Amino acid sequence: MFQITAITKTNSGYASHLQRLLSISPLRQLHWVNIARHHVQFITIRHEAERSNAEK
């Protein structure tokens, strides 16, 4: 799954909303592209279990 946004606030809280969405879905990760003010961000948000396994 991927999401494209144009959020200009640096601390909008949107990432935490996507993390909560991911926690209740069968997806393991999602990709988020934020395009705002001549700045493009590519962000991958992983399910909590996936992050724990990656740290081991």
C-alpha atoms as a PDB file:
ATOM      1  CA  MET A   1       0.000   0.000   0.000  1.00  0.00           C
ATOM      2  CA  PHE A   2       1.186   3.529  -0.553  1.00  0.00           C
ATOM      3  CA  GLN A   3      -0.055   6.976   0.403  1.00  0.00           C
ATOM      4  CA  ILE A   4       0.750  10.324  -1.256  1.00  0.00           C
ATOM      5  CA  THR A   5       0.208  13.533   0.721  1.00  0.00           C
ATOM      6  CA  ALA A   6       1.146  17.219   0.674  1.00  0.00           C
ATOM      7  CA  ILE A   7       1.489  17.904   4.407  1.00  0.00           C
ATOM      8  CA  THR A   8       3.450  21.079   5.168  1.00  0.00           C
ATOM      9  CA  LYS A   9       3.601  20.816   8.980  1.00  0.00           C
ATOM     10  CA  THR A  10       6.707  18.982  10.153  1.00  0.00           C
ATOM     11  CA  ASN A  11       5.005  17.345  13.150  1.00  0.00           C
ATOM     12  CA  SER A  12       1.508  16.678  11.871  1.00  0.00           C
ATOM     13  CA  GLY A  13       1.049  13.348  13.660  1.00  0.00           C
ATOM     14  CA  TYR A  14       0.117  11.688  10.386  1.00  0.00           C
ATOM     15  CA  ALA A  15       2.818   9.033  10.756  1.00  0.00           C
ATOM     16  CA  SER A  16       1.300   7.868  14.041  1.00  0.00           C
ATOM     17  CA  HIS A  17      -2.115   7.605  12.359  1.00  0.00           C
ATOM     18  CA  LEU A  18      -0.607   5.477   9.601  1.00  0.00           C
ATOM     19  CA  GLN A  19       1.116   3.298  12.223  1.00  0.00           C
ATOM     20  CA  ARG A  20      -2.212   2.711  13.989  1.00  0.00           C
ATOM     21  CA  LEU A  21      -3.876   1.873  10.661  1.00  0.00           C
ATOM     22  CA  LEU A  22      -1.106  -0.587   9.904  1.00  0.00           C
ATOM     23  CA  SER A  23      -1.452  -2.245  13.320  1.00  0.00           C
ATOM     24  CA  ILE A  24      -5.054  -3.309  12.569  1.00  0.00           C
ATOM     25  CA  SER A  25      -4.498  -4.319   8.947  1.00  0.00           C
ATOM     26  CA  PRO A  26      -2.964  -7.491   7.484  1.00  0.00           C
ATOM     27  CA  LEU A  27      -0.282  -5.390   5.770  1.00  0.00           C
ATOM     28  CA  ARG A  28       3.309  -5.591   7.014  1.00  0.00           C
ATOM     29  CA  GLN A  29       4.428  -2.176   5.762  1.00  0.00           C
ATOM     30  CA  LEU A  30       3.328   0.798   3.723  1.00  0.00           C
ATOM     31  CA  HIS A  31       5.101   3.496   1.778  1.00  0.00           C
ATOM     32  CA  TRP A  32       4.261   7.138   2.265  1.00  0.00           C
ATOM     33  CA  VAL A  33       5.309   9.903  -0.126  1.00  0.00           C
ATOM     34  CA  ASN A  34       4.935  13.458   1.119  1.00  0.00           C
ATOM     35  CA  ILE A  35       5.409  16.267  -1.414  1.00  0.00           C
ATOM     36  CA  ALA A  36       5.337  19.776   0.039  1.00  0.00           C
ATOM     37  CA  ARG A  37       7.209  23.062  -0.402  1.00  0.00           C
ATOM     38  CA  HIS A  38       9.787  21.779  -2.897  1.00  0.00           C
ATOM     39  CA  HIS A  39      10.643  18.922  -0.544  1.00  0.00           C
ATOM     40  CA  VAL A  40       9.866  15.256  -1.263  1.00  0.00           C
ATOM     41  CA  GLN A  41       9.970  12.600   1.472  1.00  0.00           C
ATOM     42  CA  PHE A  42       9.815   8.836   0.912  1.00  0.00           C
ATOM     43  CA  ILE A  43       8.907   7.084   4.166  1.00  0.00           C
ATOM     44  CA  THR A  44       8.389   3.381   4.875  1.00  0.00           C
ATOM     45  CA  ILE A  45       6.274   2.549   7.905  1.00  0.00           C
ATOM     46  CA  ARG A  46       6.557  -1.040   9.139  1.00  0.00           C
ATOM     47  CA  HIS A  47       4.262  -3.066  11.339  1.00  0.00           C
ATOM     48  CA  GLU A  48       5.510  -3.262  14.950  1.00  0.00           C
ATOM     49  CA  ALA A  49       6.214  -6.996  14.665  1.00  0.00           C
ATOM     50  CA  GLU A  50       8.275  -6.437  11.518  1.00  0.00           C
ATOM     51  CA  ARG A  51      10.367  -3.762  13.260  1.00  0.00           C
ATOM     52  CA  SER A  52      10.978  -6.052  16.235  1.00  0.00           C
ATOM     53  CA  ASN A  53      12.130  -8.885  13.973  1.00  0.00           C
ATOM     54  CA  ALA A  54      14.434  -6.541  12.038  1.00  0.00           C
ATOM     55  CA  GLU A  55      16.151  -5.426  15.262  1.00  0.00           C
ATOM     56  CA  LYS A  56      17.017  -9.018  16.299  1.00  0.00           C
END
